[in-house]
Amino acid sequence: MEMTEEGGDGPRWIDIPSTSEGELPSPEPGQLYHDLGSIYPDAPVPRIDGELVIRRAVLHDVTGLDDIFNWAAEGEVVIV
């Protein structure tokens, strides 16, 4: 990981090898943007401050425990 600085006044960028492997897609001029609220009306994010988020999960093996612990640490309800 390297930090690059072009000029002195702008933000510093961190070059992360995993993100520089391929070219990231960029939106074309005139490209349609989607209303994610209509595509995912029940997204697992609080709609107002302090609202409870309930996550449902199926645990097939121990590799999913990290996500479950992270959700619980963030104060979300997890139903397994």
C-alpha atoms as a PDB file:
ATOM      1  CA  MET A   1       0.000   0.000   0.000  1.00  0.00           C
ATOM      2  CA  GLU A   2       1.433   3.350  -1.015  1.00  0.00           C
ATOM      3  CA  MET A   3       0.264   6.896  -0.432  1.00  0.00           C
ATOM      4  CA  THR A   4       0.534   9.258  -3.355  1.00  0.00           C
ATOM      5  CA  GLU A   5       0.272  12.988  -3.268  1.00  0.00           C
ATOM      6  CA  GLU A   6      -0.040  15.046  -6.428  1.00  0.00           C
ATOM      7  CA  GLY A   7       0.306  18.684  -5.479  1.00  0.00           C
ATOM      8  CA  GLY A   8       0.147  19.806  -1.905  1.00  0.00           C
ATOM      9  CA  ASP A   9      -3.399  21.070  -1.496  1.00  0.00           C
ATOM     10  CA  GLY A  10      -5.553  18.151  -2.643  1.00  0.00           C
ATOM     11  CA  PRO A  11      -6.474  14.913  -0.920  1.00  0.00           C
ATOM     12  CA  ARG A  12      -3.933  12.141  -0.540  1.00  0.00           C
ATOM     13  CA  TRP A  13      -4.779   8.917  -2.329  1.00  0.00           C
ATOM     14  CA  ILE A  14      -4.002   5.453  -1.016  1.00  0.00           C
ATOM     15  CA  ASP A  15      -3.112   2.959  -3.737  1.00  0.00           C
ATOM     16  CA  ILE A  16      -4.579  -0.395  -2.766  1.00  0.00           C
ATOM     17  CA  PRO A  17      -3.333  -3.273  -4.942  1.00  0.00           C
ATOM     18  CA  SER A  18      -6.666  -5.118  -4.951  1.00  0.00           C
ATOM     19  CA  THR A  19      -8.466  -2.140  -6.484  1.00  0.00           C
ATOM     20  CA  SER A  20      -5.879  -1.401  -9.145  1.00  0.00           C
ATOM     21  CA  GLU A  21      -6.066  -4.851 -10.785  1.00  0.00           C
ATOM     22  CA  GLY A  22      -8.725  -3.832 -13.276  1.00  0.00           C
ATOM     23  CA  GLU A  23     -10.316  -0.752 -14.666  1.00  0.00           C
ATOM     24  CA  LEU A  24     -13.376   0.324 -12.679  1.00  0.00           C
ATOM     25  CA  PRO A  25     -16.471   1.040 -14.758  1.00  0.00           C
ATOM     26  CA  SER A  26     -17.321   4.703 -15.049  1.00  0.00           C
ATOM     27  CA  PRO A  27     -20.747   6.073 -15.946  1.00  0.00           C
ATOM     28  CA  GLU A  28     -21.189   7.262 -19.501  1.00  0.00           C
ATOM     29  CA  PRO A  29     -22.701  10.692 -20.195  1.00  0.00           C
ATOM     30  CA  GLY A  30     -26.469  10.358 -20.345  1.00  0.00           C
ATOM     31  CA  GLN A  31     -26.465   6.991 -18.600  1.00  0.00           C
ATOM     32  CA  LEU A  32     -29.631   6.232 -16.635  1.00  0.00           C
ATOM     33  CA  TYR A  33     -29.290   6.019 -12.875  1.00  0.00           C
ATOM     34  CA  HIS A  34     -31.510   3.717 -10.891  1.00  0.00           C
ATOM     35  CA  ASP A  35     -33.591   4.669  -7.896  1.00  0.00           C
ATOM     36  CA  LEU A  36     -32.186   2.143  -5.435  1.00  0.00           C
ATOM     37  CA  GLY A  37     -35.001   2.906  -3.007  1.00  0.00           C
ATOM     38  CA  SER A  38     -37.522   1.512  -5.472  1.00  0.00           C
ATOM     39  CA  ILE A  39     -35.338  -1.449  -6.486  1.00  0.00           C
ATOM     40  CA  TYR A  40     -34.550  -2.415  -2.869  1.00  0.00           C
ATOM     41  CA  PRO A  41     -37.455  -1.082  -0.797  1.00  0.00           C
ATOM     42  CA  ASP A  42     -36.544  -3.259   2.209  1.00  0.00           C
ATOM     43  CA  ALA A  43     -32.783  -2.692   2.248  1.00  0.00           C
ATOM     44  CA  PRO A  44     -31.113  -3.489   5.600  1.00  0.00           C
ATOM     45  CA  VAL A  45     -30.397   0.136   6.501  1.00  0.00           C
ATOM     46  CA  PRO A  46     -32.210   2.260   9.063  1.00  0.00           C
ATOM     47  CA  ARG A  47     -34.654   4.717   7.486  1.00  0.00           C
ATOM     48  CA  ILE A  48     -34.467   7.070  10.457  1.00  0.00           C
ATOM     49  CA  ASP A  49     -31.858   7.587  13.164  1.00  0.00           C
ATOM     50  CA  GLY A  50     -32.037   4.907  15.844  1.00  0.00           C
ATOM     51  CA  GLU A  51     -34.303   2.565  13.869  1.00  0.00           C
ATOM     52  CA  LEU A  52     -33.705  -1.157  14.422  1.00  0.00           C
ATOM     53  CA  VAL A  53     -32.332  -3.278  11.562  1.00  0.00           C
ATOM     54  CA  ILE A  54     -33.275  -6.965  11.473  1.00  0.00           C
ATOM     55  CA  ARG A  55     -31.022  -9.337   9.517  1.00  0.00           C
ATOM     56  CA  ARG A  56     -32.039 -12.873   8.557  1.00  0.00           C
ATOM     57  CA  ALA A  57     -29.298 -15.382   7.803  1.00  0.00           C
ATOM     58  CA  VAL A  58     -28.748 -19.062   7.144  1.00  0.00           C
ATOM     59  CA  LEU A  59     -25.466 -20.297   8.582  1.00  0.00           C
ATOM     60  CA  HIS A  60     -24.037 -23.108   6.446  1.00  0.00           C
ATOM     61  CA  ASP A  61     -20.589 -23.134   8.076  1.00  0.00           C
ATOM     62  CA  VAL A  62     -18.359 -21.071  10.362  1.00  0.00           C
ATOM     63  CA  THR A  63     -17.262 -18.687   7.596  1.00  0.00           C
ATOM     64  CA  GLY A  64     -20.480 -16.715   8.065  1.00  0.00           C
ATOM     65  CA  LEU A  65     -19.874 -16.051  11.756  1.00  0.00           C
ATOM     66  CA  ASP A  66     -17.858 -12.880  11.057  1.00  0.00           C
ATOM     67  CA  ASP A  67     -20.834 -11.231   9.370  1.00  0.00           C
ATOM     68  CA  ILE A  68     -23.195 -12.290  12.141  1.00  0.00           C
ATOM     69  CA  PHE A  69     -20.866 -10.939  14.837  1.00  0.00           C
ATOM     70  CA  ASN A  70     -20.390  -7.679  12.912  1.00  0.00           C
ATOM     71  CA  TRP A  71     -24.146  -7.183  12.585  1.00  0.00           C
ATOM     72  CA  ALA A  72     -24.645  -7.889  16.289  1.00  0.00           C
ATOM     73  CA  ALA A  73     -21.801  -5.520  17.222  1.00  0.00           C
ATOM     74  CA  GLU A  74     -23.493  -2.768  15.206  1.00  0.00           C
ATOM     75  CA  GLY A  75     -26.629  -3.245  17.291  1.00  0.00           C
ATOM     76  CA  GLU A  76     -28.653  -5.040  14.643  1.00  0.00           C
ATOM     77  CA  VAL A  77     -30.961  -7.959  15.399  1.00  0.00           C
ATOM     78  CA  VAL A  78     -29.778 -11.182  13.751  1.00  0.00           C
ATOM     79  CA  ILE A  79     -32.126 -14.112  13.190  1.00  0.00           C
ATOM     80  CA  VAL A  80     -30.209 -17.270  12.267  1.00  0.00           C
END
